[in-house]
Amino acid sequence: MIRLRCRSLCLLLFLLLPAWSALAAVPDFVELAASLKPSVVNISTSRQVRFRRPMQPGFRTPQDDLFSQFFERFFQGMPEEMRRQRSLGSGFIISADGYILTNDHVVDGADEIQVRLVDGRSFTGTVKGLDPKLDLALIKIDVGGEKLPVARLGSSDGLRVGEWVMAIGNPFGLEQTVTVGIVSAKGRVIGAGPYDDFIQTDASINPGNSGGPLFNLRGEVVGINTAIVAGGQGIGFAIPVDAAKVVLPQLRETGRVVRGWIGVGVQEVTEELARSFGLQEARGALVTDVVADSPAAKAGLQRGDVILAVNGKPLQRLDDLPRQIAALPVGQNARLSVFRDGRARNLSVTIGSQQEEGEARRSTGPSQMLGLTVGDISPEAVRLYRLTAERGALVTAVEPQGPAAGKLQPGDVVLEIDGRTIANAEAMRTAVAQAKPKQVLRVLAQRREQMFYTTLTVP
């Protein structure tokens, strides 16, 4: 009888052991969340948006095209209506004096930014730097010398698939929401921009989480939550923190990011193309075009070259090339491993600035009154900023401490100043020069496809 009971007990322990082992492997998220939440903030923004007529975007369809045209003629000439559009996001404190990192799309176009801390206090935020290509924004709040809790920046390079991660943010405005999951994949390319290299996670991420941190179990930020798959569950994406760490010094010092550029057009190397060039495997970036007088042209790169490595670091796929080149300092010499005519060779290229590719050719200097650099709209600028405006003054730089900081950003097109049409950069410079000290200028600008009003005060 005793032997039978012992055998039953052993069997029970054998069945329960896997469950106990799994339970023991689950981290203590309670203490982790309590220690990390003070460094996460809620960001609410608002902006003025004008509506030309009371019809929803996308109203026209092929079936009612004639009906839509009738309404366009009917409402033509009606006064425009201004509405205040509000949105929510997240962010996290990266320095004790009030610098906060979030997404560019969280503060994009905002004329008011409110930052709410975990203790309920609210501060006005000011944009200090923007990087639309990586979807990052650096904002600042004035805490009067107080030391704020800071989120420690870790490393995303060593992050492994299957590793536990924790997201903290404000989904749907529900402040300080904590979700956990694992790293589902790394190096995801989702078509968000030229430097796609996202961390995929199944930690629940929803609208409002944008700009919030993704922590590892050591309490370090390894990613910035950015995107979700519409209609999907357990599929969220975060910017690797290592990519953010590269551009943070520039955002803080100059308010913008200057990336490396060599001036080539490239495409993926397929299995068929690899065989045709005599490559043993399909990898690298196939050069399809070389910009005249570019660093690549001066280095001797040719159409049909296959770039295999940059400074000895192999290119496993096409997307590796723009990321590696962009991360290199302007003016530095880089060694390119190139496959040409059946053999590998090394070329030395001096890294240029992306501004050489896209900055307006006839740009004015920074306005002494408004802290803006503006230029005329060029084909290069249309391609770089994806402009839809055909006329106006293109903003190419904004001084972080100037009157336009937080109101205009590179890529905006100024269309009017105080109702006066601005056809080009010279027209804007003339209009600003005629303004009086302390005068408040009403500015109509266009950002991507959205027009908005803002005001700039002449010092």
Protein backbone atom coordinates (compact mmCIF):
# COMPACT_ATOMS: atom_id res chain seq x y z
CA MET A 1 0.00 0.00 0.00
CA ILE A 2 2.83 2.38 0.94
CA ARG A 3 4.74 1.37 -2.17
CA LEU A 4 1.66 2.12 -4.30
CA ARG A 5 1.24 5.57 -2.74
CA CYS A 6 4.90 6.41 -3.31
CA ARG A 7 4.58 5.33 -6.93
CA SER A 8 1.49 7.56 -7.35
CA LEU A 9 3.25 10.50 -5.73
CA CYS A 10 6.28 10.08 -7.98
CA LEU A 11 4.01 9.94 -11.02
CA LEU A 12 2.26 13.13 -9.89
CA LEU A 13 5.58 14.92 -9.38
CA PHE A 14 6.74 13.75 -12.80
CA LEU A 15 3.61 15.23 -14.42
CA LEU A 16 3.85 18.53 -12.53
CA LEU A 17 7.58 19.07 -13.01
CA PRO A 18 7.33 20.63 -16.52
CA ALA A 19 4.68 23.09 -15.29
CA TRP A 20 6.82 24.09 -12.29
CA SER A 21 9.86 24.53 -14.54
CA ALA A 22 7.92 26.76 -16.93
CA LEU A 23 6.55 28.79 -14.02
CA ALA A 24 10.04 29.24 -12.58
CA ALA A 25 11.27 30.48 -15.98
CA VAL A 26 8.75 33.36 -16.12
CA PRO A 27 10.49 36.61 -15.06
CA ASP A 28 9.23 38.90 -12.30
CA PHE A 29 7.45 41.45 -14.47
CA VAL A 30 5.87 43.14 -11.43
CA GLU A 31 9.10 44.65 -10.11
CA LEU A 32 10.37 45.36 -13.60
CA ALA A 33 7.25 47.31 -14.56
CA ALA A 34 7.27 49.28 -11.30
CA SER A 35 10.86 50.39 -11.84
CA LEU A 36 10.44 51.33 -15.51
CA LYS A 37 7.08 53.10 -15.64
CA PRO A 38 8.33 56.45 -14.21
CA SER A 39 10.57 56.95 -17.26
CA VAL A 40 7.66 56.56 -19.75
CA VAL A 41 5.50 59.56 -20.68
CA ASN A 42 2.19 60.25 -22.38
CA ILE A 43 2.34 62.65 -25.32
CA SER A 44 -0.76 64.45 -26.57
CA THR A 45 -0.58 66.77 -29.56
CA SER A 46 -2.92 69.07 -31.44
CA ARG A 47 -2.79 71.07 -34.63
CA GLN A 48 -4.97 73.31 -36.76
CA VAL A 49 -6.23 71.63 -39.92
CA ARG A 50 -8.19 73.42 -42.60
CA PHE A 51 -11.06 71.87 -44.54
CA ARG A 52 -12.01 73.42 -47.84
CA ARG A 53 -15.54 72.00 -47.86
CA PRO A 54 -17.65 69.68 -45.73
CA MET A 55 -16.79 66.45 -47.56
CA GLN A 56 -14.72 63.56 -46.28
CA PRO A 57 -11.37 62.67 -47.93
CA GLY A 58 -11.78 59.94 -50.48
CA PHE A 59 -15.44 60.88 -51.13
CA ARG A 60 -15.16 60.48 -54.88
CA THR A 61 -15.51 57.02 -56.34
CA PRO A 62 -15.67 55.90 -59.96
CA GLN A 63 -19.41 55.26 -59.51
CA ASP A 64 -20.29 58.76 -58.37
CA ASP A 65 -17.66 60.83 -60.15
CA LEU A 66 -20.22 63.12 -61.79
CA PHE A 67 -21.99 63.56 -58.45
CA SER A 68 -18.70 64.53 -56.79
CA GLN A 69 -17.88 67.03 -59.52
CA PHE A 70 -21.27 68.67 -58.95
CA PHE A 71 -20.48 69.10 -55.24
CA GLU A 72 -17.01 70.45 -56.01
CA ARG A 73 -18.57 73.20 -58.15
CA PHE A 74 -21.31 73.80 -55.56
CA PHE A 75 -18.87 74.29 -52.65
CA GLN A 76 -16.27 76.19 -54.65
CA GLY A 77 -15.58 79.56 -53.08
CA MET A 78 -17.05 78.67 -49.69
CA PRO A 79 -14.94 79.80 -46.71
CA GLU A 80 -12.49 77.26 -45.36
CA GLU A 81 -13.13 75.75 -41.95
CA MET A 82 -10.38 75.36 -39.36
CA ARG A 83 -10.53 72.46 -36.96
CA ARG A 84 -8.19 71.32 -34.19
CA GLN A 85 -7.00 67.76 -34.69
CA ARG A 86 -5.73 65.87 -31.65
CA SER A 87 -3.65 62.71 -31.35
CA LEU A 88 -1.95 60.63 -28.67
CA GLY A 89 1.36 58.83 -28.41
CA SER A 90 4.07 57.74 -26.03
CA GLY A 91 7.70 58.55 -25.32
CA PHE A 92 10.46 57.96 -22.80
CA ILE A 93 12.91 60.17 -20.92
CA ILE A 94 16.52 59.78 -22.05
CA SER A 95 18.14 62.49 -19.90
CA ALA A 96 17.41 63.76 -16.41
CA ASP A 97 17.05 67.36 -17.64
CA GLY A 98 13.96 66.56 -19.73
CA TYR A 99 14.94 65.24 -23.17
CA ILE A 100 12.39 62.73 -24.47
CA LEU A 101 12.55 60.38 -27.44
CA THR A 102 9.44 59.52 -29.45
CA ASN A 103 8.31 58.96 -33.05
CA ASP A 104 8.36 61.67 -35.69
CA HIS A 105 4.79 60.77 -36.68
CA VAL A 106 3.62 61.39 -33.09
CA VAL A 107 4.55 65.10 -33.24
CA ASP A 108 4.33 65.58 -37.02
CA GLY A 109 2.61 68.91 -37.76
CA ALA A 110 1.72 69.59 -34.12
CA ASP A 111 1.57 73.17 -32.90
CA GLU A 112 0.91 72.10 -29.30
CA ILE A 113 2.66 69.26 -27.46
CA GLN A 114 1.74 68.23 -23.92
CA VAL A 115 3.87 65.71 -22.00
CA ARG A 116 2.32 63.97 -19.01
CA LEU A 117 4.52 62.21 -16.45
CA VAL A 118 3.60 59.13 -14.42
CA ASP A 119 2.85 61.31 -11.38
CA GLY A 120 0.20 63.24 -13.35
CA ARG A 121 2.15 66.45 -13.93
CA SER A 122 1.93 67.96 -17.41
CA PHE A 123 4.54 70.02 -19.27
CA THR A 124 4.68 71.76 -22.63
CA GLY A 125 7.02 69.99 -25.00
CA THR A 126 9.27 71.62 -27.62
CA VAL A 127 10.62 69.78 -30.65
CA LYS A 128 14.42 69.82 -30.65
CA GLY A 129 15.12 67.47 -33.52
CA LEU A 130 13.37 65.42 -36.20
CA ASP A 131 14.43 62.45 -38.30
CA PRO A 132 11.47 61.57 -40.56
CA LYS A 133 13.41 58.86 -42.41
CA LEU A 134 13.96 56.86 -39.22
CA ASP A 135 10.67 58.16 -37.70
CA LEU A 136 12.31 59.66 -34.62
CA ALA A 137 11.72 62.92 -32.78
CA LEU A 138 13.56 64.48 -29.85
CA ILE A 139 11.48 66.78 -27.64
CA LYS A 140 12.32 68.73 -24.49
CA ILE A 141 10.37 69.74 -21.42
CA ASP A 142 11.49 72.36 -18.87
CA VAL A 143 11.44 70.85 -15.38
CA GLY A 144 13.23 73.71 -13.66
CA GLY A 145 16.36 71.89 -12.58
CA GLU A 146 14.54 68.80 -11.31
CA LYS A 147 16.14 65.43 -12.09
CA LEU A 148 13.76 63.08 -13.92
CA PRO A 149 13.93 59.27 -13.98
CA VAL A 150 15.76 58.12 -17.10
CA ALA A 151 15.26 55.05 -19.27
CA ARG A 152 18.61 53.32 -19.86
CA LEU A 153 19.47 52.69 -23.50
CA GLY A 154 20.66 49.15 -24.14
CA SER A 155 21.77 47.44 -27.33
CA SER A 156 19.58 45.86 -29.99
CA ASP A 157 22.42 44.11 -31.82
CA GLY A 158 22.62 41.33 -29.25
CA LEU A 159 18.85 40.89 -29.03
CA ARG A 160 17.81 37.31 -29.82
CA VAL A 161 14.62 35.91 -31.31
CA GLY A 162 12.55 34.40 -28.50
CA GLU A 163 13.87 36.81 -25.85
CA TRP A 164 11.37 38.35 -23.42
CA VAL A 165 10.53 42.03 -23.95
CA MET A 166 8.17 44.51 -22.28
CA ALA A 167 6.34 47.43 -23.92
CA ILE A 168 5.04 50.38 -21.88
CA GLY A 169 2.89 53.10 -23.41
CA ASN A 170 -0.52 54.66 -23.81
CA PRO A 171 -2.58 52.53 -26.23
CA PHE A 172 -5.88 54.24 -27.06
CA GLY A 173 -5.02 56.85 -24.40
CA LEU A 174 -4.90 54.26 -21.59
CA GLU A 175 -1.86 55.61 -19.77
CA GLN A 176 0.99 53.46 -18.44
CA THR A 177 -0.21 50.20 -20.00
CA VAL A 178 2.28 47.34 -19.67
CA THR A 179 2.38 44.42 -22.11
CA VAL A 180 4.91 41.61 -22.45
CA GLY A 181 5.91 39.18 -25.16
CA ILE A 182 8.93 37.94 -27.04
CA VAL A 183 11.07 39.07 -29.94
CA SER A 184 9.37 37.40 -32.89
CA ALA A 185 11.93 38.36 -35.56
CA LYS A 186 14.67 40.87 -36.39
CA GLY A 187 15.60 42.79 -39.52
CA ARG A 188 12.04 43.16 -40.76
CA VAL A 189 11.55 45.32 -43.87
CA ILE A 190 7.97 46.64 -43.96
CA GLY A 191 8.25 49.43 -46.52
CA ALA A 192 8.25 52.27 -43.99
CA GLY A 193 11.39 53.92 -45.33
CA PRO A 194 14.89 53.49 -46.75
CA TYR A 195 16.33 52.28 -43.43
CA ASP A 196 13.83 49.57 -42.50
CA ASP A 197 15.36 47.18 -39.97
CA PHE A 198 12.55 46.58 -37.50
CA ILE A 199 12.30 44.35 -34.46
CA GLN A 200 9.08 42.34 -34.61
CA THR A 201 7.40 41.48 -31.32
CA ASP A 202 4.19 39.86 -30.14
CA ALA A 203 4.01 42.15 -27.09
CA SER A 204 0.68 43.89 -27.59
CA ILE A 205 1.18 47.23 -29.40
CA ASN A 206 -1.74 49.43 -30.43
CA PRO A 207 -2.41 53.02 -31.58
CA GLY A 208 -1.04 55.27 -28.85
CA ASN A 209 1.97 53.02 -28.17
CA SER A 210 3.90 54.82 -30.91
CA GLY A 211 7.12 56.31 -29.58
CA GLY A 212 7.09 54.23 -26.41
CA PRO A 213 9.97 52.01 -25.29
CA LEU A 214 10.49 48.28 -25.75
CA PHE A 215 12.51 47.00 -22.77
CA ASN A 216 14.54 43.84 -22.25
CA LEU A 217 14.58 41.96 -18.93
CA ARG A 218 17.53 44.05 -17.72
CA GLY A 219 15.33 47.15 -17.90
CA GLU A 220 17.15 48.58 -20.92
CA VAL A 221 15.47 50.13 -23.96
CA VAL A 222 16.12 47.92 -26.99
CA GLY A 223 13.55 49.43 -29.35
CA ILE A 224 11.11 52.27 -30.00
CA ASN A 225 7.60 50.98 -30.73
CA THR A 226 6.52 52.34 -34.09
CA ALA A 227 4.18 50.33 -36.27
CA ILE A 228 1.52 47.64 -36.27
CA VAL A 229 -0.12 45.50 -38.91
CA ALA A 230 -3.69 46.73 -39.38
CA GLY A 231 -6.07 43.95 -38.45
CA GLY A 232 -3.26 41.74 -37.19
CA GLN A 233 -2.74 40.44 -33.67
CA GLY A 234 0.61 39.97 -32.02
CA ILE A 235 2.49 41.68 -34.86
CA GLY A 236 4.16 44.92 -33.80
CA PHE A 237 7.36 46.60 -34.91
CA ALA A 238 10.00 48.64 -33.10
CA ILE A 239 12.98 50.68 -34.32
CA PRO A 240 16.23 49.13 -33.02
CA VAL A 241 17.67 51.37 -30.33
CA ASP A 242 21.16 51.10 -31.85
CA ALA A 243 19.89 52.93 -34.94
CA ALA A 244 18.47 55.68 -32.72
CA LYS A 245 21.70 56.00 -30.73
CA VAL A 246 23.62 56.78 -33.93
CA VAL A 247 21.48 59.84 -34.77
CA LEU A 248 20.71 61.13 -31.26
CA PRO A 249 23.83 63.35 -30.99
CA GLN A 250 22.92 65.09 -34.27
CA LEU A 251 19.29 65.54 -33.22
CA ARG A 252 20.38 67.15 -29.98
CA GLU A 253 23.10 69.35 -31.45
CA THR A 254 21.62 70.46 -34.79
CA GLY A 255 18.00 69.28 -34.80
CA ARG A 256 18.44 67.25 -37.98
CA VAL A 257 20.36 64.27 -39.31
CA VAL A 258 22.98 64.33 -42.05
CA ARG A 259 23.60 60.84 -43.37
CA GLY A 260 26.34 59.38 -45.49
CA TRP A 261 25.76 59.09 -49.25
CA ILE A 262 27.77 57.80 -52.19
CA GLY A 263 25.36 58.29 -55.10
CA VAL A 264 24.43 54.93 -56.57
CA GLY A 265 21.21 53.23 -57.61
CA VAL A 266 21.11 49.56 -56.64
CA GLN A 267 18.89 46.51 -56.91
CA GLU A 268 18.71 43.05 -55.39
CA VAL A 269 20.97 40.27 -56.65
CA THR A 270 18.74 37.34 -57.62
CA GLU A 271 19.90 33.76 -58.11
CA GLU A 272 19.71 34.20 -61.89
CA LEU A 273 21.68 37.47 -61.81
CA ALA A 274 24.29 35.94 -59.51
CA ARG A 275 24.88 33.10 -61.98
CA SER A 276 25.06 35.53 -64.90
CA PHE A 277 27.77 37.57 -63.14
CA GLY A 278 29.66 34.48 -61.98
CA LEU A 279 28.88 34.95 -58.28
CA GLN A 280 28.74 31.82 -56.15
CA GLU A 281 25.78 33.10 -54.10
CA ALA A 282 23.05 35.71 -54.43
CA ARG A 283 24.03 38.53 -52.07
CA GLY A 284 25.16 42.12 -52.10
CA ALA A 285 23.83 45.14 -54.01
CA LEU A 286 23.91 45.35 -57.80
CA VAL A 287 24.75 48.86 -59.05
CA THR A 288 22.24 50.02 -61.67
CA ASP A 289 23.18 53.71 -61.83
CA VAL A 290 25.98 56.02 -60.71
CA VAL A 291 25.22 59.72 -60.16
CA ALA A 292 27.55 62.00 -62.08
CA ASP A 293 30.25 63.71 -59.96
CA SER A 294 29.12 61.72 -56.93
CA PRO A 295 31.51 60.05 -54.47
CA ALA A 296 30.76 56.72 -56.16
CA ALA A 297 31.64 58.11 -59.58
CA LYS A 298 34.89 59.57 -58.28
CA ALA A 299 35.75 56.23 -56.68
CA GLY A 300 35.34 54.43 -60.00
CA LEU A 301 32.14 52.49 -59.34
CA GLN A 302 30.40 51.33 -62.51
CA ARG A 303 27.00 50.08 -63.56
CA GLY A 304 27.02 46.30 -63.21
CA ASP A 305 29.32 46.23 -60.17
CA VAL A 306 28.11 44.14 -57.25
CA ILE A 307 28.97 45.69 -53.87
CA LEU A 308 29.66 42.79 -51.50
CA ALA A 309 30.93 44.53 -48.35
CA VAL A 310 31.51 47.93 -46.74
CA ASN A 311 34.65 48.23 -44.60
CA GLY A 312 34.82 44.46 -44.45
CA LYS A 313 31.24 44.00 -43.26
CA PRO A 314 29.39 41.74 -45.73
CA LEU A 315 26.12 42.80 -47.32
CA GLN A 316 23.74 39.89 -46.95
CA ARG A 317 20.88 41.73 -48.64
CA LEU A 318 20.17 44.89 -50.58
CA ASP A 319 18.86 46.88 -47.59
CA ASP A 320 22.18 46.53 -45.76
CA LEU A 321 23.93 48.97 -48.12
CA PRO A 322 21.94 52.19 -47.46
CA ARG A 323 21.97 51.53 -43.70
CA GLN A 324 25.73 50.97 -43.55
CA ILE A 325 26.57 53.94 -45.78
CA ALA A 326 24.15 56.25 -43.94
CA ALA A 327 25.79 55.42 -40.61
CA LEU A 328 29.28 56.47 -41.79
CA PRO A 329 30.56 59.99 -41.02
CA VAL A 330 30.62 62.43 -43.91
CA GLY A 331 34.17 62.87 -45.23
CA GLN A 332 35.38 59.48 -44.03
CA ASN A 333 36.99 57.06 -46.48
CA ALA A 334 35.23 53.71 -46.78
CA ARG A 335 36.48 50.50 -48.40
CA LEU A 336 34.03 48.85 -50.78
CA SER A 337 34.48 45.22 -51.79
CA VAL A 338 33.21 45.06 -55.38
CA PHE A 339 32.73 42.11 -57.75
CA ARG A 340 33.49 43.06 -61.37
CA ASP A 341 34.40 41.02 -64.45
CA GLY A 342 34.54 37.77 -62.55
CA ARG A 343 36.80 38.87 -59.69
CA ALA A 344 36.66 40.87 -56.48
CA ARG A 345 38.43 44.17 -56.03
CA ASN A 346 38.55 46.94 -53.42
CA LEU A 347 37.63 50.58 -54.06
CA SER A 348 38.03 53.53 -51.72
CA VAL A 349 35.16 56.01 -51.60
CA THR A 350 34.87 59.26 -49.64
CA ILE A 351 31.48 59.43 -47.96
CA GLY A 352 29.42 62.43 -49.03
CA SER A 353 26.32 63.99 -47.53
CA GLN A 354 22.80 63.11 -48.57
CA GLN A 355 22.17 66.83 -48.89
CA GLU A 356 24.26 66.64 -52.05
CA GLU A 357 21.50 64.49 -53.50
CA GLY A 358 18.36 66.20 -52.32
CA GLU A 359 18.99 69.68 -50.97
CA ALA A 360 17.65 72.52 -53.08
CA ARG A 361 20.38 73.87 -55.35
CA ARG A 362 19.46 77.53 -54.91
CA SER A 363 19.11 77.66 -51.15
CA THR A 364 19.18 80.81 -49.11
CA GLY A 365 21.11 81.12 -45.90
CA PRO A 366 19.33 80.86 -42.55
CA SER A 367 17.00 83.77 -42.01
CA GLN A 368 18.44 85.93 -39.26
CA MET A 369 14.90 86.54 -37.99
CA LEU A 370 13.22 83.16 -38.18
CA GLY A 371 16.06 80.64 -38.01
CA LEU A 372 15.07 78.92 -41.26
CA THR A 373 16.98 77.72 -44.28
CA VAL A 374 14.78 77.69 -47.37
CA GLY A 375 15.27 76.86 -51.03
CA ASP A 376 13.35 76.55 -54.27
CA ILE A 377 11.52 73.34 -55.16
CA SER A 378 13.72 71.20 -57.42
CA PRO A 379 13.24 67.75 -58.97
CA GLU A 380 15.73 66.38 -56.45
CA ALA A 381 13.77 67.92 -53.57
CA VAL A 382 10.49 66.53 -54.91
CA ARG A 383 12.01 63.06 -54.90
CA LEU A 384 13.70 63.41 -51.50
CA TYR A 385 10.74 64.88 -49.60
CA ARG A 386 7.97 63.37 -51.77
CA LEU A 387 6.55 66.83 -52.40
CA THR A 388 3.19 67.45 -54.03
CA ALA A 389 3.44 71.26 -54.01
CA GLU A 390 4.73 72.79 -57.24
CA ARG A 391 5.44 76.30 -55.93
CA GLY A 392 6.53 77.74 -52.60
CA ALA A 393 9.60 77.99 -50.38
CA LEU A 394 10.99 74.63 -49.32
CA VAL A 395 12.23 74.44 -45.71
CA THR A 396 15.55 72.55 -45.70
CA ALA A 397 16.72 73.26 -42.12
CA VAL A 398 15.33 74.67 -38.86
CA GLU A 399 17.50 76.09 -36.10
CA PRO A 400 16.67 74.21 -32.87
CA GLN A 401 16.46 77.42 -30.79
CA GLY A 402 14.87 79.61 -33.48
CA PRO A 403 11.30 80.95 -33.70
CA ALA A 404 10.30 78.18 -36.15
CA ALA A 405 11.52 75.30 -33.96
CA GLY A 406 8.66 72.90 -33.28
CA LYS A 407 6.45 74.59 -35.87
CA LEU A 408 8.15 73.93 -39.20
CA GLN A 409 10.48 71.12 -40.22
CA PRO A 410 12.61 70.14 -43.23
CA GLY A 411 10.35 69.15 -46.11
CA ASP A 412 7.61 71.67 -45.30
CA VAL A 413 6.67 74.07 -48.11
CA VAL A 414 5.68 77.63 -47.16
CA LEU A 415 2.79 78.74 -49.42
CA GLU A 416 1.62 82.00 -47.84
CA ILE A 417 2.72 84.57 -45.26
CA ASP A 418 -0.08 86.79 -43.94
CA GLY A 419 -2.16 85.94 -47.00
CA ARG A 420 0.65 86.84 -49.40
CA THR A 421 1.48 84.10 -51.89
CA ILE A 422 5.02 82.73 -51.57
CA ALA A 423 6.13 81.43 -54.97
CA ASN A 424 9.76 80.67 -54.14
CA ALA A 425 12.54 81.13 -51.59
CA GLU A 426 13.31 84.69 -52.69
CA ALA A 427 9.67 85.71 -52.21
CA MET A 428 9.73 84.35 -48.67
CA ARG A 429 12.97 86.12 -47.83
CA THR A 430 11.49 89.40 -49.07
CA ALA A 431 8.30 88.92 -47.04
CA VAL A 432 10.24 88.15 -43.87
CA ALA A 433 12.61 91.09 -44.39
CA GLN A 434 9.65 93.46 -44.53
CA ALA A 435 8.26 92.25 -41.21
CA LYS A 436 8.58 94.37 -38.07
CA PRO A 437 10.16 93.24 -34.77
CA LYS A 438 7.72 91.29 -32.57
CA GLN A 439 5.30 90.96 -35.49
CA VAL A 440 3.36 87.67 -35.56
CA LEU A 441 3.34 86.19 -39.05
CA ARG A 442 0.55 83.86 -40.12
CA VAL A 443 2.11 81.10 -42.21
CA LEU A 444 0.29 78.64 -44.47
CA ALA A 445 2.45 75.59 -45.12
CA GLN A 446 2.12 72.15 -46.63
CA ARG A 447 3.57 68.99 -45.11
CA ARG A 448 3.32 66.01 -47.43
CA GLU A 449 -0.33 66.22 -48.57
CA GLN A 450 -1.65 68.17 -45.57
CA MET A 451 -1.93 71.97 -45.43
CA PHE A 452 -1.81 73.71 -42.07
CA TYR A 453 -1.50 77.17 -40.51
CA THR A 454 1.03 78.18 -37.92
CA THR A 455 2.41 81.47 -36.57
CA LEU A 456 6.01 82.70 -36.32
CA THR A 457 7.00 85.65 -34.16
CA VAL A 458 9.74 87.96 -35.45
CA PRO A 459 12.27 88.53 -32.64
